[in-house]
Amino acid sequence: MELELEGEVVEVNPGRLRGQRIAKLRSSDGGEVVFDVIEDLLSLDKGERVKIIITDEKPSEQALKSYDFCGHGYLVESEDITGKTVFSLWGILFLFNRKLGLKLNKKYYLCIQKST
């Protein structure tokens, strides 16, 4: 299983924690993702185009080299309850404005790749 969402960073605002920023990505099909950005791990600016990839298999070493950020985590609660996808990479949160079909208690890898 692999999902991709590509879009433009339309907002980047300061978070409440030092080094944290909150980014909003919008895709051409109306999808939105609001997510934490930890400045020491990834730098994103408004107007940048990025691709978010979610997979249930660990990316190969070669694939990992092509990503700007990659981590693993879990669905926070059932998508059927919220109608959205709330995904946590050990505290780094991603909120998708729609269901992605992920399952509870299953490890997923989320990777971000900036478009060139």
PDB file of N, CA and C in Angstrom:
ATOM      1  N   MET A   1       0.827  -1.170   0.000  1.00  0.00           N
ATOM      2  CA  MET A   1       0.000   0.000   0.000  1.00  0.00           C
ATOM      3  C   MET A   1       0.880   1.246   0.000  1.00  0.00           C
ATOM      4  N   GLU A   2       0.602   2.169  -0.902  1.00  0.00           N
ATOM      5  CA  GLU A   2       1.323   3.433  -0.933  1.00  0.00           C
ATOM      6  C   GLU A   2       0.366   4.534  -1.362  1.00  0.00           C
ATOM      7  N   LEU A   3       0.368   5.628  -0.616  1.00  0.00           N
ATOM      8  CA  LEU A   3      -0.444   6.799  -0.931  1.00  0.00           C
ATOM      9  C   LEU A   3       0.485   7.983  -1.165  1.00  0.00           C
ATOM     10  N   GLU A   4       0.114   8.839  -2.098  1.00  0.00           N
ATOM     11  CA  GLU A   4       0.874  10.054  -2.370  1.00  0.00           C
ATOM     12  C   GLU A   4      -0.056  11.249  -2.390  1.00  0.00           C
ATOM     13  N   LEU A   5       0.401  12.338  -1.813  1.00  0.00           N
ATOM     14  CA  LEU A   5      -0.311  13.604  -1.876  1.00  0.00           C
ATOM     15  C   LEU A   5       0.724  14.662  -2.207  1.00  0.00           C
ATOM     16  N   GLU A   6       0.497  15.368  -3.296  1.00  0.00           N
ATOM     17  CA  GLU A   6       1.429  16.406  -3.712  1.00  0.00           C
ATOM     18  C   GLU A   6       0.714  17.738  -3.688  1.00  0.00           C
ATOM     19  N   GLY A   7       1.395  18.760  -3.201  1.00  0.00           N
ATOM     20  CA  GLY A   7       0.760  20.063  -3.155  1.00  0.00           C
ATOM     21  C   GLY A   7       1.726  21.162  -2.785  1.00  0.00           C
ATOM     22  N   GLU A   8       1.158  22.316  -2.485  1.00  0.00           N
ATOM     23  CA  GLU A   8       1.931  23.514  -2.168  1.00  0.00           C
ATOM     24  C   GLU A   8       1.732  23.875  -0.711  1.00  0.00           C
ATOM     25  N   VAL A   9       2.803  24.275  -0.071  1.00  0.00           N
ATOM     26  CA  VAL A   9       2.733  24.776   1.298  1.00  0.00           C
ATOM     27  C   VAL A   9       2.123  26.175   1.223  1.00  0.00           C
ATOM     28  N   VAL A  10       0.925  26.337   1.799  1.00  0.00           N
ATOM     29  CA  VAL A  10       0.222  27.615   1.700  1.00  0.00           C
ATOM     30  C   VAL A  10       0.339  28.455   2.968  1.00  0.00           C
ATOM     31  N   GLU A  11       0.756  27.833   4.065  1.00  0.00           N
ATOM     32  CA  GLU A  11       0.964  28.557   5.322  1.00  0.00           C
ATOM     33  C   GLU A  11       2.070  27.887   6.110  1.00  0.00           C
ATOM     34  N   VAL A  12       2.854  28.687   6.809  1.00  0.00           N
ATOM     35  CA  VAL A  12       3.807  28.195   7.804  1.00  0.00           C
ATOM     36  C   VAL A  12       3.775  29.195   8.952  1.00  0.00           C
ATOM     37  N   ASN A  13       3.318  28.735  10.117  1.00  0.00           N
ATOM     38  CA  ASN A  13       3.177  29.609  11.273  1.00  0.00           C
ATOM     39  C   ASN A  13       3.974  29.062  12.450  1.00  0.00           C
ATOM     40  N   PRO A  14       4.378  29.944  13.361  1.00  0.00           N
ATOM     41  CA  PRO A  14       5.099  29.468  14.544  1.00  0.00           C
ATOM     42  C   PRO A  14       4.206  28.571  15.398  1.00  0.00           C
ATOM     43  N   GLY A  15       4.795  27.544  15.984  1.00  0.00           N
ATOM     44  CA  GLY A  15       4.077  26.698  16.938  1.00  0.00           C
ATOM     45  C   GLY A  15       4.326  27.208  18.343  1.00  0.00           C
ATOM     46  N   ARG A  16       3.822  26.485  19.314  1.00  0.00           N
ATOM     47  CA  ARG A  16       3.982  26.896  20.711  1.00  0.00           C
ATOM     48  C   ARG A  16       5.307  26.444  21.310  1.00  0.00           C
ATOM     49  N   LEU A  17       5.933  25.442  20.710  1.00  0.00           N
ATOM     50  CA  LEU A  17       7.203  24.929  21.214  1.00  0.00           C
ATOM     51  C   LEU A  17       8.364  25.526  20.439  1.00  0.00           C
ATOM     52  N   ARG A  18       9.490  25.672  21.090  1.00  0.00           N
ATOM     53  CA  ARG A  18      10.683  26.194  20.424  1.00  0.00           C
ATOM     54  C   ARG A  18      11.081  25.250  19.292  1.00  0.00           C
ATOM     55  N   GLY A  19      11.293  25.803  18.099  1.00  0.00           N
ATOM     56  CA  GLY A  19      11.703  25.002  16.953  1.00  0.00           C
ATOM     57  C   GLY A  19      10.557  24.345  16.201  1.00  0.00           C
ATOM     58  N   GLN A  20       9.335  24.557  16.662  1.00  0.00           N
ATOM     59  CA  GLN A  20       8.167  23.957  16.008  1.00  0.00           C
ATOM     60  C   GLN A  20       7.466  24.998  15.148  1.00  0.00           C
ATOM     61  N   ARG A  21       7.056  24.565  13.975  1.00  0.00           N
ATOM     62  CA  ARG A  21       6.224  25.386  13.101  1.00  0.00           C
ATOM     63  C   ARG A  21       5.045  24.521  12.666  1.00  0.00           C
ATOM     64  N   ILE A  22       3.954  25.166  12.303  1.00  0.00           N
ATOM     65  CA  ILE A  22       2.762  24.469  11.823  1.00  0.00           C
ATOM     66  C   ILE A  22       2.593  24.835  10.349  1.00  0.00           C
ATOM     67  N   ALA A  23       2.596  23.817   9.493  1.00  0.00           N
ATOM     68  CA  ALA A  23       2.480  24.044   8.050  1.00  0.00           C
ATOM     69  C   ALA A  23       1.140  23.536   7.546  1.00  0.00           C
ATOM     70  N   LYS A  24       0.647  24.173   6.496  1.00  0.00           N
ATOM     71  CA  LYS A  24      -0.566  23.706   5.818  1.00  0.00           C
ATOM     72  C   LYS A  24      -0.220  23.506   4.354  1.00  0.00           C
ATOM     73  N   LEU A  25      -0.521  22.310   3.870  1.00  0.00           N
ATOM     74  CA  LEU A  25      -0.283  21.953   2.474  1.00  0.00           C
ATOM     75  C   LEU A  25      -1.640  21.784   1.792  1.00  0.00           C
ATOM     76  N   ARG A  26      -1.771  22.307   0.592  1.00  0.00           N
ATOM     77  CA  ARG A  26      -3.015  22.159  -0.170  1.00  0.00           C
ATOM     78  C   ARG A  26      -2.679  21.539  -1.516  1.00  0.00           C
ATOM     79  N   SER A  27      -3.413  20.474  -1.867  1.00  0.00           N
ATOM     80  CA  SER A  27      -3.212  19.823  -3.161  1.00  0.00           C
ATOM     81  C   SER A  27      -4.221  20.363  -4.167  1.00  0.00           C
ATOM     82  N   SER A  28      -3.974  20.105  -5.431  1.00  0.00           N
ATOM     83  CA  SER A  28      -4.849  20.622  -6.492  1.00  0.00           C
ATOM     84  C   SER A  28      -6.250  20.015  -6.441  1.00  0.00           C
ATOM     85  N   ASP A  29      -6.398  18.832  -5.806  1.00  0.00           N
ATOM     86  CA  ASP A  29      -7.716  18.191  -5.727  1.00  0.00           C
ATOM     87  C   ASP A  29      -8.493  18.580  -4.475  1.00  0.00           C
ATOM     88  N   GLY A  30      -8.020  19.607  -3.754  1.00  0.00           N
ATOM     89  CA  GLY A  30      -8.728  20.089  -2.569  1.00  0.00           C
ATOM     90  C   GLY A  30      -8.298  19.439  -1.272  1.00  0.00           C
ATOM     91  N   GLY A  31      -7.373  18.512  -1.334  1.00  0.00           N
ATOM     92  CA  GLY A  31      -6.869  17.896  -0.114  1.00  0.00           C
ATOM     93  C   GLY A  31      -6.032  18.881   0.684  1.00  0.00           C
ATOM     94  N   GLU A  32      -6.148  18.796   1.999  1.00  0.00           N
ATOM     95  CA  GLU A  32      -5.346  19.636   2.880  1.00  0.00           C
ATOM     96  C   GLU A  32      -4.713  18.788   3.968  1.00  0.00           C
ATOM     97  N   VAL A  33      -3.514  19.184   4.341  1.00  0.00           N
ATOM     98  CA  VAL A  33      -2.800  18.549   5.436  1.00  0.00           C
ATOM     99  C   VAL A  33      -2.230  19.655   6.304  1.00  0.00           C
ATOM    100  N   VAL A  34      -2.498  19.596   7.591  1.00  0.00           N
ATOM    101  CA  VAL A  34      -1.897  20.502   8.558  1.00  0.00           C
ATOM    102  C   VAL A  34      -0.956  19.640   9.385  1.00  0.00           C
ATOM    103  N   PHE A  35       0.302  20.077   9.506  1.00  0.00           N
ATOM    104  CA  PHE A  35       1.263  19.214  10.183  1.00  0.00           C
ATOM    105  C   PHE A  35       2.361  20.006  10.879  1.00  0.00           C
ATOM    106  N   ASP A  36       2.947  19.346  11.879  1.00  0.00           N
ATOM    107  CA  ASP A  36       4.074  19.914  12.613  1.00  0.00           C
ATOM    108  C   ASP A  36       5.332  19.842  11.763  1.00  0.00           C
ATOM    109  N   VAL A  37       6.126  20.881  11.855  1.00  0.00           N
ATOM    110  CA  VAL A  37       7.447  20.891  11.233  1.00  0.00           C
ATOM    111  C   VAL A  37       8.438  21.205  12.349  1.00  0.00           C
ATOM    112  N   ILE A  38       9.366  20.310  12.582  1.00  0.00           N
ATOM    113  CA  ILE A  38      10.421  20.534  13.562  1.00  0.00           C
ATOM    114  C   ILE A  38      11.630  21.058  12.790  1.00  0.00           C
ATOM    115  N   GLU A  39      11.990  22.307  13.042  1.00  0.00           N
ATOM    116  CA  GLU A  39      13.009  22.989  12.232  1.00  0.00           C
ATOM    117  C   GLU A  39      14.331  22.237  12.150  1.00  0.00           C
ATOM    118  N   ASP A  40      14.705  21.511  13.194  1.00  0.00           N
ATOM    119  CA  ASP A  40      15.966  20.761  13.164  1.00  0.00           C
ATOM    120  C   ASP A  40      15.884  19.551  12.231  1.00  0.00           C
ATOM    121  N   LEU A  41      14.668  19.117  11.884  1.00  0.00           N
ATOM    122  CA  LEU A  41      14.491  17.947  11.022  1.00  0.00           C
ATOM    123  C   LEU A  41      14.166  18.308   9.575  1.00  0.00           C
ATOM    124  N   LEU A  42      13.424  19.403   9.380  1.00  0.00           N
ATOM    125  CA  LEU A  42      12.952  19.763   8.044  1.00  0.00           C
ATOM    126  C   LEU A  42      12.652  21.253   7.989  1.00  0.00           C
ATOM    127  N   SER A  43      13.096  21.902   6.949  1.00  0.00           N
ATOM    128  CA  SER A  43      12.813  23.312   6.734  1.00  0.00           C
ATOM    129  C   SER A  43      11.833  23.435   5.577  1.00  0.00           C
ATOM    130  N   LEU A  44      10.691  24.060   5.824  1.00  0.00           N
ATOM    131  CA  LEU A  44       9.691  24.296   4.785  1.00  0.00           C
ATOM    132  C   LEU A  44       9.292  25.759   4.795  1.00  0.00           C
ATOM    133  N   ASP A  45       9.068  26.300   3.616  1.00  0.00           N
ATOM    134  CA  ASP A  45       8.633  27.681   3.479  1.00  0.00           C
ATOM    135  C   ASP A  45       7.361  27.752   2.645  1.00  0.00           C
ATOM    136  N   LYS A  46       6.594  28.796   2.882  1.00  0.00           N
ATOM    137  CA  LYS A  46       5.389  29.041   2.100  1.00  0.00           C
ATOM    138  C   LYS A  46       5.757  29.090   0.622  1.00  0.00           C
ATOM    139  N   GLY A  47       4.940  28.433  -0.213  1.00  0.00           N
ATOM    140  CA  GLY A  47       5.161  28.426  -1.655  1.00  0.00           C
ATOM    141  C   GLY A  47       5.923  27.209  -2.147  1.00  0.00           C
ATOM    142  N   GLU A  48       6.565  26.476  -1.246  1.00  0.00           N
ATOM    143  CA  GLU A  48       7.287  25.272  -1.678  1.00  0.00           C
ATOM    144  C   GLU A  48       6.300  24.176  -2.056  1.00  0.00           C
ATOM    145  N   ARG A  49       6.682  23.379  -3.036  1.00  0.00           N
ATOM    146  CA  ARG A  49       5.887  22.213  -3.440  1.00  0.00           C
ATOM    147  C   ARG A  49       6.528  20.980  -2.831  1.00  0.00           C
ATOM    148  N   VAL A  50       5.693  20.143  -2.239  1.00  0.00           N
ATOM    149  CA  VAL A  50       6.193  18.924  -1.615  1.00  0.00           C
ATOM    150  C   VAL A  50       5.269  17.751  -1.923  1.00  0.00           C
ATOM    151  N   LYS A  51       5.825  16.577  -1.762  1.00  0.00           N
ATOM    152  CA  LYS A  51       5.071  15.338  -1.912  1.00  0.00           C
ATOM    153  C   LYS A  51       5.136  14.605  -0.577  1.00  0.00           C
ATOM    154  N   ILE A  52       3.977  14.139  -0.098  1.00  0.00           N
ATOM    155  CA  ILE A  52       3.902  13.309   1.105  1.00  0.00           C
ATOM    156  C   ILE A  52       3.573  11.896   0.657  1.00  0.00           C
ATOM    157  N   ILE A  53       4.394  10.955   1.086  1.00  0.00           N
ATOM    158  CA  ILE A  53       4.208   9.544   0.727  1.00  0.00           C
ATOM    159  C   ILE A  53       3.960   8.760   2.005  1.00  0.00           C
ATOM    160  N   ILE A  54       2.908   7.959   2.021  1.00  0.00           N
ATOM    161  CA  ILE A  54       2.618   7.076   3.149  1.00  0.00           C
ATOM    162  C   ILE A  54       2.610   5.651   2.624  1.00  0.00           C
ATOM    163  N   THR A  55       3.371   4.789   3.292  1.00  0.00           N
ATOM    164  CA  THR A  55       3.465   3.399   2.876  1.00  0.00           C
ATOM    165  C   THR A  55       3.516   2.492   4.102  1.00  0.00           C
ATOM    166  N   ASP A  56       3.101   1.258   3.930  1.00  0.00           N
ATOM    167  CA  ASP A  56       3.173   0.323   5.046  1.00  0.00           C
ATOM    168  C   ASP A  56       4.451  -0.510   5.015  1.00  0.00           C
ATOM    169  N   GLU A  57       5.317  -0.249   4.047  1.00  0.00           N
ATOM    170  CA  GLU A  57       6.602  -0.943   3.969  1.00  0.00           C
ATOM    171  C   GLU A  57       7.736   0.065   4.146  1.00  0.00           C
ATOM    172  N   LYS A  58       8.758  -0.343   4.882  1.00  0.00           N
ATOM    173  CA  LYS A  58       9.902   0.542   5.089  1.00  0.00           C
ATOM    174  C   LYS A  58      10.551   0.844   3.743  1.00  0.00           C
ATOM    175  N   PRO A  59      10.776   2.138   3.450  1.00  0.00           N
ATOM    176  CA  PRO A  59      11.427   2.492   2.187  1.00  0.00           C
ATOM    177  C   PRO A  59      12.842   1.908   2.116  1.00  0.00           C
ATOM    178  N   SER A  60      13.271   1.601   0.917  1.00  0.00           N
ATOM    179  CA  SER A  60      14.618   1.077   0.717  1.00  0.00           C
ATOM    180  C   SER A  60      15.649   2.152   1.061  1.00  0.00           C
ATOM    181  N   GLU A  61      16.874   1.736   1.287  1.00  0.00           N
ATOM    182  CA  GLU A  61      17.947   2.690   1.580  1.00  0.00           C
ATOM    183  C   GLU A  61      18.092   3.719   0.456  1.00  0.00           C
ATOM    184  N   GLN A  62      17.947   3.270  -0.782  1.00  0.00           N
ATOM    185  CA  GLN A  62      18.046   4.179  -1.935  1.00  0.00           C
ATOM    186  C   GLN A  62      16.912   5.199  -1.910  1.00  0.00           C
ATOM    187  N   ALA A  63      15.691   4.739  -1.627  1.00  0.00           N
ATOM    188  CA  ALA A  63      14.541   5.650  -1.564  1.00  0.00           C
ATOM    189  C   ALA A  63      14.713   6.653  -0.429  1.00  0.00           C
ATOM    190  N   LEU A  64      15.220   6.192   0.715  1.00  0.00           N
ATOM    191  CA  LEU A  64      15.407   7.083   1.864  1.00  0.00           C
ATOM    192  C   LEU A  64      16.317   8.262   1.521  1.00  0.00           C
ATOM    193  N   LYS A  65      17.288   8.034   0.660  1.00  0.00           N
ATOM    194  CA  LYS A  65      18.206   9.100   0.266  1.00  0.00           C
ATOM    195  C   LYS A  65      17.516  10.200  -0.538  1.00  0.00           C
ATOM    196  N   SER A  66      16.397   9.866  -1.192  1.00  0.00           N
ATOM    197  CA  SER A  66      15.704  10.852  -2.023  1.00  0.00           C
ATOM    198  C   SER A  66      14.702  11.698  -1.226  1.00  0.00           C
ATOM    199  N   TYR A  67      14.424  11.318   0.023  1.00  0.00           N
ATOM    200  CA  TYR A  67      13.454  12.048   0.845  1.00  0.00           C
ATOM    201  C   TYR A  67      14.150  13.093   1.710  1.00  0.00           C
ATOM    202  N   ASP A  68      13.441  14.186   1.980  1.00  0.00           N
ATOM    203  CA  ASP A  68      13.953  15.219   2.871  1.00  0.00           C
ATOM    204  C   ASP A  68      13.641  14.900   4.331  1.00  0.00           C
ATOM    205  N   PHE A  69      12.632  14.076   4.555  1.00  0.00           N
ATOM    206  CA  PHE A  69      12.247  13.640   5.902  1.00  0.00           C
ATOM    207  C   PHE A  69      11.516  12.315   5.774  1.00  0.00           C
ATOM    208  N   CYS A  70      11.736  11.428   6.737  1.00  0.00           N
ATOM    209  CA  CYS A  70      11.013  10.161   6.756  1.00  0.00           C
ATOM    210  C   CYS A  70      10.937   9.672   8.199  1.00  0.00           C
ATOM    211  N   GLY A  71       9.777   9.170   8.586  1.00  0.00           N
ATOM    212  CA  GLY A  71       9.589   8.624   9.923  1.00  0.00           C
ATOM    213  C   GLY A  71       8.472   7.608   9.906  1.00  0.00           C
ATOM    214  N   HIS A  72       8.297   6.907  11.035  1.00  0.00           N
ATOM    215  CA  HIS A  72       7.192   5.952  11.097  1.00  0.00           C
ATOM    216  C   HIS A  72       6.294   6.283  12.273  1.00  0.00           C
ATOM    217  N   GLY A  73       5.027   5.905  12.139  1.00  0.00           N
ATOM    218  CA  GLY A  73       4.069   6.198  13.188  1.00  0.00           C
ATOM    219  C   GLY A  73       2.773   5.456  12.963  1.00  0.00           C
ATOM    220  N   TYR A  74       1.738   5.935  13.643  1.00  0.00           N
ATOM    221  CA  TYR A  74       0.472   5.228  13.690  1.00  0.00           C
ATOM    222  C   TYR A  74      -0.704   6.190  13.560  1.00  0.00           C
ATOM    223  N   LEU A  75      -1.824   5.653  13.109  1.00  0.00           N
ATOM    224  CA  LEU A  75      -3.091   6.366  13.095  1.00  0.00           C
ATOM    225  C   LEU A  75      -3.483   6.634  14.546  1.00  0.00           C
ATOM    226  N   VAL A  76      -3.927   7.837  14.872  1.00  0.00           N
ATOM    227  CA  VAL A  76      -4.241   8.202  16.249  1.00  0.00           C
ATOM    228  C   VAL A  76      -5.590   7.642  16.688  1.00  0.00           C
ATOM    229  N   GLU A  77      -6.608   7.755  15.841  1.00  0.00           N
ATOM    230  CA  GLU A  77      -7.916   7.183  16.140  1.00  0.00           C
ATOM    231  C   GLU A  77      -8.598   6.804  14.835  1.00  0.00           C
ATOM    232  N   SER A  78      -9.626   5.992  14.946  1.00  0.00           N
ATOM    233  CA  SER A  78     -10.303   5.488  13.763  1.00  0.00           C
ATOM    234  C   SER A  78     -10.786   6.624  12.865  1.00  0.00           C
ATOM    235  N   GLU A  79     -10.524   6.487  11.582  1.00  0.00           N
ATOM    236  CA  GLU A  79     -10.985   7.486  10.606  1.00  0.00           C
ATOM    237  C   GLU A  79     -12.507   7.515  10.538  1.00  0.00           C
ATOM    238  N   ASP A  80     -13.154   6.404  10.888  1.00  0.00           N
ATOM    239  CA  ASP A  80     -14.615   6.356  10.858  1.00  0.00           C
ATOM    240  C   ASP A  80     -15.228   7.260  11.913  1.00  0.00           C
ATOM    241  N   ILE A  81     -14.513   7.498  12.992  1.00  0.00           N
ATOM    242  CA  ILE A  81     -15.020   8.364  14.057  1.00  0.00           C
ATOM    243  C   ILE A  81     -14.910   9.833  13.654  1.00  0.00           C
ATOM    244  N   THR A  82     -13.761  10.232  13.110  1.00  0.00           N
ATOM    245  CA  THR A  82     -13.511  11.648  12.827  1.00  0.00           C
ATOM    246  C   THR A  82     -13.829  12.064  11.394  1.00  0.00           C
ATOM    247  N   GLY A  83     -13.820  11.101  10.460  1.00  0.00           N
ATOM    248  CA  GLY A  83     -13.981  11.444   9.050  1.00  0.00           C
ATOM    249  C   GLY A  83     -12.718  12.045   8.460  1.00  0.00           C
ATOM    250  N   LYS A  84     -11.664  12.100   9.261  1.00  0.00           N
ATOM    251  CA  LYS A  84     -10.371  12.630   8.855  1.00  0.00           C
ATOM    252  C   LYS A  84      -9.300  11.632   9.258  1.00  0.00           C
ATOM    253  N   THR A  85      -8.073  11.901   8.862  1.00  0.00           N
ATOM    254  CA  THR A  85      -6.950  11.061   9.253  1.00  0.00           C
ATOM    255  C   THR A  85      -6.030  11.869  10.150  1.00  0.00           C
ATOM    256  N   VAL A  86      -5.839  11.394  11.370  1.00  0.00           N
ATOM    257  CA  VAL A  86      -4.895  12.005  12.304  1.00  0.00           C
ATOM    258  C   VAL A  86      -3.792  10.981  12.514  1.00  0.00           C
ATOM    259  N   PHE A  87      -2.591  11.357  12.101  1.00  0.00           N
ATOM    260  CA  PHE A  87      -1.453  10.443  12.061  1.00  0.00           C
ATOM    261  C   PHE A  87      -0.343  11.020  12.939  1.00  0.00           C
ATOM    262  N   SER A  88       0.275  10.188  13.764  1.00  0.00           N
ATOM    263  CA  SER A  88       1.335  10.644  14.654  1.00  0.00           C
ATOM    264  C   SER A  88       2.632   9.905  14.385  1.00  0.00           C
ATOM    265  N   LEU A  89       3.692  10.670  14.157  1.00  0.00           N
ATOM    266  CA  LEU A  89       5.040  10.129  14.057  1.00  0.00           C
ATOM    267  C   LEU A  89       5.718  10.411  15.396  1.00  0.00           C
ATOM    268  N   TRP A  90       5.360   9.646  16.413  1.00  0.00           N
ATOM    269  CA  TRP A  90       5.927   9.798  17.752  1.00  0.00           C
ATOM    270  C   TRP A  90       5.812  11.234  18.246  1.00  0.00           C
ATOM    271  N   GLY A  91       4.623  11.829  18.050  1.00  0.00           N
ATOM    272  CA  GLY A  91       4.353  13.173  18.545  1.00  0.00           C
ATOM    273  C   GLY A  91       4.324  14.246  17.477  1.00  0.00           C
ATOM    274  N   ILE A  92       4.900  13.989  16.320  1.00  0.00           N
ATOM    275  CA  ILE A  92       4.803  14.927  15.203  1.00  0.00           C
ATOM    276  C   ILE A  92       3.485  14.596  14.499  1.00  0.00           C
ATOM    277  N   LEU A  93       2.522  15.513  14.556  1.00  0.00           N
ATOM    278  CA  LEU A  93       1.171  15.223  14.079  1.00  0.00           C
ATOM    279  C   LEU A  93       0.928  15.695  12.650  1.00  0.00           C
ATOM    280  N   PHE A  94       0.143  14.902  11.930  1.00  0.00           N
ATOM    281  CA  PHE A  94      -0.321  15.206  10.583  1.00  0.00           C
ATOM    282  C   PHE A  94      -1.829  15.047  10.582  1.00  0.00           C
ATOM    283  N   LEU A  95      -2.565  16.086  10.187  1.00  0.00           N
ATOM    284  CA  LEU A  95      -4.017  16.032  10.113  1.00  0.00           C
ATOM    285  C   LEU A  95      -4.426  16.192   8.650  1.00  0.00           C
ATOM    286  N   PHE A  96      -4.951  15.116   8.062  1.00  0.00           N
ATOM    287  CA  PHE A  96      -5.442  15.116   6.680  1.00  0.00           C
ATOM    288  C   PHE A  96      -6.938  15.388   6.732  1.00  0.00           C
ATOM    289  N   ASN A  97      -7.466  16.193   5.819  1.00  0.00           N
ATOM    290  CA  ASN A  97      -8.878  16.577   5.868  1.00  0.00           C
ATOM    291  C   ASN A  97      -9.818  15.516   5.296  1.00  0.00           C
ATOM    292  N   ARG A  98      -9.311  14.304   5.094  1.00  0.00           N
ATOM    293  CA  ARG A  98     -10.150  13.216   4.584  1.00  0.00           C
ATOM    294  C   ARG A  98      -9.604  11.875   5.062  1.00  0.00           C
ATOM    295  N   LYS A  99     -10.388  10.851   4.879  1.00  0.00           N
ATOM    296  CA  LYS A  99      -9.957   9.499   5.221  1.00  0.00           C
ATOM    297  C   LYS A  99      -8.941   9.013   4.194  1.00  0.00           C
ATOM    298  N   LEU A 100      -7.902   8.330   4.680  1.00  0.00           N
ATOM    299  CA  LEU A 100      -6.899   7.756   3.787  1.00  0.00           C
ATOM    300  C   LEU A 100      -6.974   6.233   3.745  1.00  0.00           C
ATOM    301  N   GLY A 101      -7.820   5.643   4.574  1.00  0.00           N
ATOM    302  CA  GLY A 101      -7.955   4.186   4.583  1.00  0.00           C
ATOM    303  C   GLY A 101      -6.899   3.481   5.418  1.00  0.00           C
ATOM    304  N   LEU A 102      -6.327   4.185   6.401  1.00  0.00           N
ATOM    305  CA  LEU A 102      -5.322   3.578   7.260  1.00  0.00           C
ATOM    306  C   LEU A 102      -5.990   2.787   8.382  1.00  0.00           C
ATOM    307  N   LYS A 103      -5.254   1.848   8.939  1.00  0.00           N
ATOM    308  CA  LYS A 103      -5.785   0.979   9.990  1.00  0.00           C
ATOM    309  C   LYS A 103      -5.110   1.284  11.321  1.00  0.00           C
ATOM    310  N   LEU A 104      -5.880   1.153  12.395  1.00  0.00           N
ATOM    311  CA  LEU A 104      -5.334   1.329  13.735  1.00  0.00           C
ATOM    312  C   LEU A 104      -4.312   0.236  14.034  1.00  0.00           C
ATOM    313  N   ASN A 105      -3.369   0.542  14.899  1.00  0.00           N
ATOM    314  CA  ASN A 105      -2.359  -0.413  15.373  1.00  0.00           C
ATOM    315  C   ASN A 105      -1.503  -1.010  14.262  1.00  0.00           C
ATOM    316  N   LYS A 106      -1.356  -0.296  13.177  1.00  0.00           N
ATOM    317  CA  LYS A 106      -0.491  -0.740  12.086  1.00  0.00           C
ATOM    318  C   LYS A 106       0.556   0.353  11.861  1.00  0.00           C
ATOM    319  N   LYS A 107       1.810  -0.046  11.730  1.00  0.00           N
ATOM    320  CA  LYS A 107       2.900   0.912  11.519  1.00  0.00           C
ATOM    321  C   LYS A 107       2.907   1.356  10.054  1.00  0.00           C
ATOM    322  N   TYR A 108       3.011   2.677   9.863  1.00  0.00           N
ATOM    323  CA  TYR A 108       3.127   3.259   8.532  1.00  0.00           C
ATOM    324  C   TYR A 108       4.359   4.161   8.500  1.00  0.00           C
ATOM    325  N   TYR A 109       4.914   4.321   7.322  1.00  0.00           N
ATOM    326  CA  TYR A 109       6.032   5.224   7.103  1.00  0.00           C
ATOM    327  C   TYR A 109       5.509   6.432   6.346  1.00  0.00           C
ATOM    328  N   LEU A 110       5.874   7.624   6.804  1.00  0.00           N
ATOM    329  CA  LEU A 110       5.485   8.855   6.137  1.00  0.00           C
ATOM    330  C   LEU A 110       6.767   9.575   5.754  1.00  0.00           C
ATOM    331  N   CYS A 111       6.881   9.895   4.479  1.00  0.00           N
ATOM    332  CA  CYS A 111       8.080  10.560   3.971  1.00  0.00           C
ATOM    333  C   CYS A 111       7.666  11.824   3.229  1.00  0.00           C
ATOM    334  N   ILE A 112       8.526  12.834   3.312  1.00  0.00           N
ATOM    335  CA  ILE A 112       8.301  14.105   2.630  1.00  0.00           C
ATOM    336  C   ILE A 112       9.446  14.349   1.677  1.00  0.00           C
ATOM    337  N   GLN A 113       9.078  14.738   0.456  1.00  0.00           N
ATOM    338  CA  GLN A 113      10.059  15.022  -0.570  1.00  0.00           C
ATOM    339  C   GLN A 113       9.727  16.385  -1.179  1.00  0.00           C
ATOM    340  N   LYS A 114      10.683  17.311  -1.110  1.00  0.00           N
ATOM    341  CA  LYS A 114      10.472  18.608  -1.735  1.00  0.00           C
ATOM    342  C   LYS A 114      10.602  18.458  -3.244  1.00  0.00           C
ATOM    343  N   SER A 115       9.736  19.141  -3.983  1.00  0.00           N
ATOM    344  CA  SER A 115       9.811  19.126  -5.441  1.00  0.00           C
ATOM    345  C   SER A 115      10.913  20.080  -5.882  1.00  0.00           C
ATOM    346  N   THR A 116      11.581  19.706  -6.943  1.00  0.00           N
ATOM    347  CA  THR A 116      12.665  20.562  -7.447  1.00  0.00           C
ATOM    348  C   THR A 116      12.228  21.339  -8.659  1.00  0.00           C
TER     349      THR A 116
END
